[in-house]
PDB file of N, CA and C in Angstrom:
ATOM      1  N   MET A   1      93.509  63.578 105.205  1.00  0.00           N
ATOM      2  CA  MET A   1      92.181  63.086 105.500  1.00  0.00           C
ATOM      3  C   MET A   1      92.142  62.338 106.829  1.00  0.00           C
ATOM      4  N   GLU A   2      93.304  61.965 107.336  1.00  0.00           N
ATOM      5  CA  GLU A   2      93.335  61.145 108.542  1.00  0.00           C
ATOM      6  C   GLU A   2      92.612  61.782 109.733  1.00  0.00           C
ATOM      7  N   PRO A   3      92.789  63.082 109.993  1.00  0.00           N
ATOM      8  CA  PRO A   3      92.087  63.659 111.142  1.00  0.00           C
ATOM      9  C   PRO A   3      90.566  63.673 111.009  1.00  0.00           C
ATOM     10  N   VAL A   4      90.069  63.592 109.790  1.00  0.00           N
ATOM     11  CA  VAL A   4      88.619  63.622 109.566  1.00  0.00           C
ATOM     12  C   VAL A   4      88.144  62.342 108.878  1.00  0.00           C
ATOM     13  N   GLY A   5      88.732  61.213 109.271  1.00  0.00           N
ATOM     14  CA  GLY A   5      88.416  59.940 108.639  1.00  0.00           C
ATOM     15  C   GLY A   5      86.955  59.559 108.711  1.00  0.00           C
ATOM     16  N   HIS A   6      86.299  59.942 109.800  1.00  0.00           N
ATOM     17  CA  HIS A   6      84.893  59.580 109.961  1.00  0.00           C
ATOM     18  C   HIS A   6      83.977  60.331 109.005  1.00  0.00           C
ATOM     19  N   ILE A   7      84.446  61.434 108.440  1.00  0.00           N
ATOM     20  CA  ILE A   7      83.651  62.181 107.457  1.00  0.00           C
ATOM     21  C   ILE A   7      84.506  62.466 106.220  1.00  0.00           C
ATOM     22  N   ALA A   8      85.285  61.479 105.791  1.00  0.00           N
ATOM     23  CA  ALA A   8      86.227  61.675 104.683  1.00  0.00           C
ATOM     24  C   ALA A   8      85.528  62.111 103.398  1.00  0.00           C
ATOM     25  N   GLY A   9      84.341  61.606 103.137  1.00  0.00           N
ATOM     26  CA  GLY A   9      83.623  61.993 101.929  1.00  0.00           C
ATOM     27  C   GLY A   9      83.268  63.470 101.919  1.00  0.00           C
ATOM     28  N   VAL A  10      82.797  63.956 103.052  1.00  0.00           N
ATOM     29  CA  VAL A  10      82.448  65.377 103.164  1.00  0.00           C
ATOM     30  C   VAL A  10      83.703  66.228 103.053  1.00  0.00           C
ATOM     31  N   ALA A  11      84.771  65.803 103.741  1.00  0.00           N
ATOM     32  CA  ALA A  11      86.021  66.557 103.697  1.00  0.00           C
ATOM     33  C   ALA A  11      86.566  66.615 102.274  1.00  0.00           C
ATOM     34  N   SER A  12      86.493  65.509 101.560  1.00  0.00           N
ATOM     35  CA  SER A  12      86.951  65.471 100.179  1.00  0.00           C
ATOM     36  C   SER A  12      86.130  66.413  99.303  1.00  0.00           C
ATOM     37  N   ALA A  13      84.835  66.432  99.514  1.00  0.00           N
ATOM     38  CA  ALA A  13      83.966  67.323  98.738  1.00  0.00           C
ATOM     39  C   ALA A  13      84.274  68.786  99.022  1.00  0.00           C
ATOM     40  N   VAL A  14      84.533  69.108 100.287  1.00  0.00           N
ATOM     41  CA  VAL A  14      84.858  70.491 100.648  1.00  0.00           C
ATOM     42  C   VAL A  14      86.187  70.893 100.019  1.00  0.00           C
ATOM     43  N   ILE A  15      87.197  70.023 100.117  1.00  0.00           N
ATOM     44  CA  ILE A  15      88.499  70.327  99.522  1.00  0.00           C
ATOM     45  C   ILE A  15      88.367  70.518  98.010  1.00  0.00           C
ATOM     46  N   GLY A  16      87.617  69.663  97.356  1.00  0.00           N
ATOM     47  CA  GLY A  16      87.403  69.789  95.921  1.00  0.00           C
ATOM     48  C   GLY A  16      86.668  71.063  95.550  1.00  0.00           C
ATOM     49  N   SER A  17      85.674  71.421  96.341  1.00  0.00           N
ATOM     50  CA  SER A  17      84.918  72.651  96.067  1.00  0.00           C
ATOM     51  C   SER A  17      85.776  73.893  96.241  1.00  0.00           C
ATOM     52  N   VAL A  18      86.527  73.934  97.320  1.00  0.00           N
ATOM     53  CA  VAL A  18      87.399  75.090  97.571  1.00  0.00           C
ATOM     54  C   VAL A  18      88.456  75.185  96.473  1.00  0.00           C
ATOM     55  N   SER A  19      89.026  74.063  96.094  1.00  0.00           N
ATOM     56  CA  SER A  19      90.020  74.041  95.022  1.00  0.00           C
ATOM     57  C   SER A  19      89.424  74.542  93.710  1.00  0.00           C
ATOM     58  N   GLY A  20      88.232  74.090  93.392  1.00  0.00           N
ATOM     59  CA  GLY A  20      87.567  74.526  92.171  1.00  0.00           C
ATOM     60  C   GLY A  20      87.251  76.014  92.176  1.00  0.00           C
ATOM     61  N   MET A  21      86.765  76.512  93.306  1.00  0.00           N
ATOM     62  CA  MET A  21      86.441  77.942  93.397  1.00  0.00           C
ATOM     63  C   MET A  21      87.695  78.813  93.299  1.00  0.00           C
ATOM     64  N   LEU A  22      88.777  78.361  93.942  1.00  0.00           N
ATOM     65  CA  LEU A  22      90.030  79.104  93.856  1.00  0.00           C
ATOM     66  C   LEU A  22      90.548  79.113  92.421  1.00  0.00           C
ATOM     67  N   GLY A  23      90.464  77.964  91.759  1.00  0.00           N
ATOM     68  CA  GLY A  23      90.879  77.892  90.360  1.00  0.00           C
ATOM     69  C   GLY A  23      90.025  78.779  89.462  1.00  0.00           C
ATOM     70  N   LEU A  24      88.741  78.816  89.725  1.00  0.00           N
ATOM     71  CA  LEU A  24      87.842  79.669  88.956  1.00  0.00           C
ATOM     72  C   LEU A  24      88.199  81.142  89.131  1.00  0.00           C
ATOM     73  N   ALA A  25      88.422  81.543  90.370  1.00  0.00           N
ATOM     74  CA  ALA A  25      88.747  82.944  90.645  1.00  0.00           C
ATOM     75  C   ALA A  25      90.074  83.345  90.008  1.00  0.00           C
ATOM     76  N   LEU A  26      91.097  82.522  90.200  1.00  0.00           N
ATOM     77  CA  LEU A  26      92.407  82.852  89.627  1.00  0.00           C
ATOM     78  C   LEU A  26      92.381  82.775  88.111  1.00  0.00           C
ATOM     79  N   GLY A  27      91.703  81.775  87.566  1.00  0.00           N
ATOM     80  CA  GLY A  27      91.599  81.659  86.116  1.00  0.00           C
ATOM     81  C   GLY A  27      90.891  82.851  85.490  1.00  0.00           C
ATOM     82  N   THR A  28      89.872  83.340  86.170  1.00  0.00           N
ATOM     83  CA  THR A  28      89.162  84.522  85.684  1.00  0.00           C
ATOM     84  C   THR A  28      90.069  85.740  85.684  1.00  0.00           C
ATOM     85  N   LEU A  29      90.819  85.906  86.765  1.00  0.00           N
ATOM     86  CA  LEU A  29      91.761  87.037  86.829  1.00  0.00           C
ATOM     87  C   LEU A  29      92.797  86.971  85.720  1.00  0.00           C
ATOM     88  N   PHE A  30      93.387  85.791  85.549  1.00  0.00           N
ATOM     89  CA  PHE A  30      94.416  85.645  84.530  1.00  0.00           C
ATOM     90  C   PHE A  30      93.813  85.779  83.124  1.00  0.00           C
ATOM     91  N   GLY A  31      92.615  85.273  82.933  1.00  0.00           N
ATOM     92  CA  GLY A  31      91.959  85.387  81.640  1.00  0.00           C
ATOM     93  C   GLY A  31      91.613  86.824  81.287  1.00  0.00           C
ATOM     94  N   ARG A  32      91.192  87.581  82.291  1.00  0.00           N
ATOM     95  CA  ARG A  32      90.859  89.000  82.049  1.00  0.00           C
ATOM     96  C   ARG A  32      92.098  89.822  81.724  1.00  0.00           C
ATOM     97  N   ALA A  33      93.255  89.334  82.162  1.00  0.00           N
ATOM     98  CA  ALA A  33      94.500  90.063  81.901  1.00  0.00           C
ATOM     99  C   ALA A  33      95.032  89.808  80.491  1.00  0.00           C
ATOM    100  N   TYR A  34      94.421  88.888  79.750  1.00  0.00           N
ATOM    101  CA  TYR A  34      94.917  88.540  78.417  1.00  0.00           C
ATOM    102  C   TYR A  34      94.860  89.750  77.496  1.00  0.00           C
ATOM    103  N   ASP A  35      96.000  90.030  76.865  1.00  0.00           N
ATOM    104  CA  ASP A  35      96.082  91.183  75.972  1.00  0.00           C
ATOM    105  C   ASP A  35      96.639  90.810  74.603  1.00  0.00           C
ATOM    106  N   GLY A  36      96.577  89.529  74.254  1.00  0.00           N
ATOM    107  CA  GLY A  36      97.080  89.100  72.958  1.00  0.00           C
ATOM    108  C   GLY A  36      98.528  88.643  72.997  1.00  0.00           C
ATOM    109  N   THR A  37      99.181  88.771  74.132  1.00  0.00           N
ATOM    110  CA  THR A  37     100.566  88.320  74.270  1.00  0.00           C
ATOM    111  C   THR A  37     100.619  87.162  75.263  1.00  0.00           C
ATOM    112  N   VAL A  38     101.807  86.629  75.424  1.00  0.00           N
ATOM    113  CA  VAL A  38     101.987  85.501  76.335  1.00  0.00           C
ATOM    114  C   VAL A  38     102.299  85.975  77.765  1.00  0.00           C
ATOM    115  N   LEU A  39     102.487  87.256  77.969  1.00  0.00           N
ATOM    116  CA  LEU A  39     102.879  87.771  79.283  1.00  0.00           C
ATOM    117  C   LEU A  39     101.868  87.475  80.399  1.00  0.00           C
ATOM    118  N   PRO A  40     100.555  87.605  80.180  1.00  0.00           N
ATOM    119  CA  PRO A  40      99.622  87.246  81.248  1.00  0.00           C
ATOM    120  C   PRO A  40      99.707  85.768  81.638  1.00  0.00           C
ATOM    121  N   LEU A  41      99.981  84.896  80.671  1.00  0.00           N
ATOM    122  CA  LEU A  41     100.128  83.475  80.953  1.00  0.00           C
ATOM    123  C   LEU A  41     101.357  83.235  81.832  1.00  0.00           C
ATOM    124  N   VAL A  42     102.457  83.862  81.475  1.00  0.00           N
ATOM    125  CA  VAL A  42     103.681  83.737  82.267  1.00  0.00           C
ATOM    126  C   VAL A  42     103.462  84.312  83.664  1.00  0.00           C
ATOM    127  N   GLY A  43     102.807  85.436  83.741  1.00  0.00           N
ATOM    128  CA  GLY A  43     102.501  86.032  85.046  1.00  0.00           C
ATOM    129  C   GLY A  43     101.595  85.138  85.877  1.00  0.00           C
ATOM    130  N   GLY A  44     100.614  84.523  85.234  1.00  0.00           N
ATOM    131  CA  GLY A  44      99.707  83.624  85.937  1.00  0.00           C
ATOM    132  C   GLY A  44     100.428  82.393  86.460  1.00  0.00           C
ATOM    133  N   PHE A  45     101.297  81.810  85.628  1.00  0.00           N
ATOM    134  CA  PHE A  45     102.089  80.658  86.077  1.00  0.00           C
ATOM    135  C   PHE A  45     102.989  81.039  87.241  1.00  0.00           C
ATOM    136  N   THR A  46     103.601  82.211  87.153  1.00  0.00           N
ATOM    137  CA  THR A  46     104.492  82.674  88.225  1.00  0.00           C
ATOM    138  C   THR A  46     103.708  82.902  89.511  1.00  0.00           C
ATOM    139  N   ALA A  47     102.571  83.574  89.407  1.00  0.00           N
ATOM    140  CA  ALA A  47     101.752  83.839  90.598  1.00  0.00           C
ATOM    141  C   ALA A  47     101.240  82.541  91.214  1.00  0.00           C
ATOM    142  N   ALA A  48     100.781  81.608  90.382  1.00  0.00           N
ATOM    143  CA  ALA A  48     100.282  80.336  90.896  1.00  0.00           C
ATOM    144  C   ALA A  48     101.410  79.534  91.547  1.00  0.00           C
ATOM    145  N   GLY A  49     102.583  79.556  90.961  1.00  0.00           N
ATOM    146  CA  GLY A  49     103.731  78.861  91.545  1.00  0.00           C
ATOM    147  C   GLY A  49     104.132  79.435  92.879  1.00  0.00           C
ATOM    148  N   LEU A  50     104.168  80.759  92.969  1.00  0.00           N
ATOM    149  CA  LEU A  50     104.518  81.409  94.235  1.00  0.00           C
ATOM    150  C   LEU A  50     103.461  81.150  95.305  1.00  0.00           C
ATOM    151  N   LEU A  51     102.197  81.133  94.909  1.00  0.00           N
ATOM    152  CA  LEU A  51     101.120  80.832  95.846  1.00  0.00           C
ATOM    153  C   LEU A  51     101.242  79.398  96.360  1.00  0.00           C
ATOM    154  N   ALA A  52     101.534  78.460  95.472  1.00  0.00           N
ATOM    155  CA  ALA A  52     101.708  77.067  95.880  1.00  0.00           C
ATOM    156  C   ALA A  52     102.927  76.904  96.787  1.00  0.00           C
ATOM    157  N   LEU A  53     104.009  77.575  96.459  1.00  0.00           N
ATOM    158  CA  LEU A  53     105.223  77.504  97.281  1.00  0.00           C
ATOM    159  C   LEU A  53     104.965  78.070  98.674  1.00  0.00           C
ATOM    160  N   THR A  54     104.262  79.183  98.752  1.00  0.00           N
ATOM    161  CA  THR A  54     103.940  79.788 100.034  1.00  0.00           C
ATOM    162  C   THR A  54     103.040  78.880 100.865  1.00  0.00           C
ATOM    163  N   ALA A  55     102.016  78.311 100.249  1.00  0.00           N
ATOM    164  CA  ALA A  55     101.108  77.413 100.969  1.00  0.00           C
ATOM    165  C   ALA A  55     101.847  76.183 101.480  1.00  0.00           C
ATOM    166  N   THR A  56     102.743  75.644 100.666  1.00  0.00           N
ATOM    167  CA  THR A  56     103.524  74.476 101.080  1.00  0.00           C
ATOM    168  C   THR A  56     104.439  74.824 102.239  1.00  0.00           C
ATOM    169  N   GLU A  57     105.087  75.953 102.176  1.00  0.00           N
ATOM    170  CA  GLU A  57     105.991  76.381 103.246  1.00  0.00           C
ATOM    171  C   GLU A  57     105.235  76.556 104.568  1.00  0.00           C
ATOM    172  N   ILE A  58     104.077  77.175 104.511  1.00  0.00           N
ATOM    173  CA  ILE A  58     103.267  77.361 105.731  1.00  0.00           C
ATOM    174  C   ILE A  58     102.841  76.019 106.300  1.00  0.00           C
ATOM    175  N   ALA A  59     102.382  75.121 105.435  1.00  0.00           N
ATOM    176  CA  ALA A  59     101.934  73.804 105.893  1.00  0.00           C
ATOM    177  C   ALA A  59     103.091  72.997 106.491  1.00  0.00           C
ATOM    178  N   GLU A  60     104.260  73.051 105.864  1.00  0.00           N
ATOM    179  CA  GLU A  60     105.422  72.308 106.373  1.00  0.00           C
ATOM    180  C   GLU A  60     105.886  72.853 107.719  1.00  0.00           C
ATOM    181  N   ARG A  61     105.903  74.169 107.861  1.00  0.00           N
ATOM    182  CA  ARG A  61     106.304  74.756 109.148  1.00  0.00           C
ATOM    183  C   ARG A  61     105.330  74.368 110.257  1.00  0.00           C
ATOM    184  N   ALA A  62     104.054  74.355 109.951  1.00  0.00           N
ATOM    185  CA  ALA A  62     103.059  73.970 110.949  1.00  0.00           C
ATOM    186  C   ALA A  62     103.223  72.498 111.323  1.00  0.00           C
ATOM    187  N   ALA A  63     103.485  71.645 110.330  1.00  0.00           N
ATOM    188  CA  ALA A  63     103.676  70.221 110.601  1.00  0.00           C
ATOM    189  C   ALA A  63     104.928  69.987 111.436  1.00  0.00           C
ATOM    190  N   LEU A  64     106.002  70.705 111.130  1.00  0.00           N
ATOM    191  CA  LEU A  64     107.234  70.566 111.908  1.00  0.00           C
ATOM    192  C   LEU A  64     107.029  71.028 113.348  1.00  0.00           C
ATOM    193  N   ALA A  65     106.329  72.130 113.527  1.00  0.00           N
ATOM    194  CA  ALA A  65     106.076  72.637 114.880  1.00  0.00           C
ATOM    195  C   ALA A  65     105.212  71.652 115.661  1.00  0.00           C
ATOM    196  N   GLN A  66     104.215  71.092 115.024  1.00  0.00           N
ATOM    197  CA  GLN A  66     103.342  70.123 115.686  1.00  0.00           C
ATOM    198  C   GLN A  66     104.123  68.857 116.024  1.00  0.00           C
ATOM    199  N   GLY A  67     104.986  68.415 115.123  1.00  0.00           N
ATOM    200  CA  GLY A  67     105.805  67.239 115.376  1.00  0.00           C
ATOM    201  C   GLY A  67     106.785  67.459 116.503  1.00  0.00           C
ATOM    202  N   ALA A  68     107.358  68.659 116.593  1.00  0.00           N
ATOM    203  CA  ALA A  68     108.296  68.968 117.670  1.00  0.00           C
ATOM    204  C   ALA A  68     107.585  68.958 119.015  1.00  0.00           C
ATOM    205  N   ARG A  69     106.365  69.478 119.065  1.00  0.00           N
ATOM    206  CA  ARG A  69     105.607  69.457 120.311  1.00  0.00           C
ATOM    207  C   ARG A  69     105.272  68.031 120.726  1.00  0.00           C
ATOM    208  N   ALA A  70     104.885  67.208 119.734  1.00  0.00           N
ATOM    209  CA  ALA A  70     104.546  65.821 120.035  1.00  0.00           C
ATOM    210  C   ALA A  70     105.773  65.062 120.536  1.00  0.00           C
ATOM    211  N   SER A  71     106.947  65.317 119.943  1.00  0.00           N
ATOM    212  CA  SER A  71     108.179  64.658 120.374  1.00  0.00           C
ATOM    213  C   SER A  71     108.548  65.079 121.788  1.00  0.00           C
ATOM    214  N   ALA A  72     108.397  66.350 122.095  1.00  0.00           N
ATOM    215  CA  ALA A  72     108.719  66.832 123.435  1.00  0.00           C
ATOM    216  C   ALA A  72     107.782  66.227 124.469  1.00  0.00           C
ATOM    217  N   LEU A  73     106.520  66.043 124.099  1.00  0.00           N
ATOM    218  CA  LEU A  73     105.572  65.407 125.014  1.00  0.00           C
ATOM    219  C   LEU A  73     105.949  63.947 125.249  1.00  0.00           C
ATOM    220  N   GLU A  74     106.405  63.257 124.194  1.00  0.00           N
ATOM    221  CA  GLU A  74     106.754  61.843 124.309  1.00  0.00           C
ATOM    222  C   GLU A  74     107.913  61.620 125.271  1.00  0.00           C
ATOM    223  N   VAL A  75     108.918  62.479 125.206  1.00  0.00           N
ATOM    224  CA  VAL A  75     110.095  62.286 126.061  1.00  0.00           C
ATOM    225  C   VAL A  75     109.907  62.937 127.426  1.00  0.00           C
ATOM    226  N   GLY A  76     108.797  63.604 127.627  1.00  0.00           N
ATOM    227  CA  GLY A  76     108.511  64.207 128.926  1.00  0.00           C
ATOM    228  C   GLY A  76     109.217  65.528 129.153  1.00  0.00           C
ATOM    229  N   ALA A  77     109.705  66.135 128.076  1.00  0.00           N
ATOM    230  CA  ALA A  77     110.421  67.404 128.220  1.00  0.00           C
ATOM    231  C   ALA A  77     109.486  68.541 128.592  1.00  0.00           C
ATOM    232  N   ILE A  78     108.257  68.457 128.138  1.00  0.00           N
ATOM    233  CA  ILE A  78     107.255  69.464 128.521  1.00  0.00           C
ATOM    234  C   ILE A  78     105.981  68.745 128.919  1.00  0.00           C
ATOM    235  N   THR A  79     105.107  69.477 129.566  1.00  0.00           N
ATOM    236  CA  THR A  79     103.829  68.902 130.003  1.00  0.00           C
ATOM    237  C   THR A  79     102.736  69.299 129.012  1.00  0.00           C
ATOM    238  N   ASP A  80     101.592  68.645 129.147  1.00  0.00           N
ATOM    239  CA  ASP A  80     100.455  68.985 128.281  1.00  0.00           C
ATOM    240  C   ASP A  80     100.050  70.446 128.446  1.00  0.00           C
ATOM    241  N   GLU A  81     100.090  70.952 129.663  1.00  0.00           N
ATOM    242  CA  GLU A  81      99.679  72.335 129.918  1.00  0.00           C
ATOM    243  C   GLU A  81     100.629  73.315 129.228  1.00  0.00           C
ATOM    244  N   ALA A  82     101.922  73.033 129.260  1.00  0.00           N
ATOM    245  CA  ALA A  82     102.886  73.922 128.597  1.00  0.00           C
ATOM    246  C   ALA A  82     102.702  73.883 127.093  1.00  0.00           C
ATOM    247  N   CYS A  83     102.374  72.715 126.570  1.00  0.00           N
ATOM    248  CA  CYS A  83     102.156  72.577 125.133  1.00  0.00           C
ATOM    249  C   CYS A  83     100.910  73.348 124.695  1.00  0.00           C
ATOM    250  N   GLU A  84      99.872  73.342 125.513  1.00  0.00           N
ATOM    251  CA  GLU A  84      98.636  74.043 125.174  1.00  0.00           C
ATOM    252  C   GLU A  84      98.831  75.551 125.208  1.00  0.00           C
ATOM    253  N   ARG A  85      99.723  76.043 126.059  1.00  0.00           N
ATOM    254  CA  ARG A  85      99.972  77.484 126.133  1.00  0.00           C
ATOM    255  C   ARG A  85     100.746  77.988 124.940  1.00  0.00           C
ATOM    256  N   SER A  86     101.541  77.149 124.312  1.00  0.00           N
ATOM    257  CA  SER A  86     102.376  77.615 123.207  1.00  0.00           C
ATOM    258  C   SER A  86     101.684  77.591 121.894  1.00  0.00           C
TER     259      SER A  86
END
């Protein structure tokens, strides 16, 4: 929320809405797959876990890349123009 502190309430509402809609869509898919066994539940948990792991990995890589650029700017290893090109 830090980058959007001036509109934190709106940002929170958007995040909550997107989260709810994603949950609704995935829950509907997993619910429609129900066939009287536990396999759709296990598949849904597996798919949701893999989706969360993938999202976390992407976010962490982006944060690390952004942090590396900021560190290079601090020590003067690169210029602002070089950072903007990358």
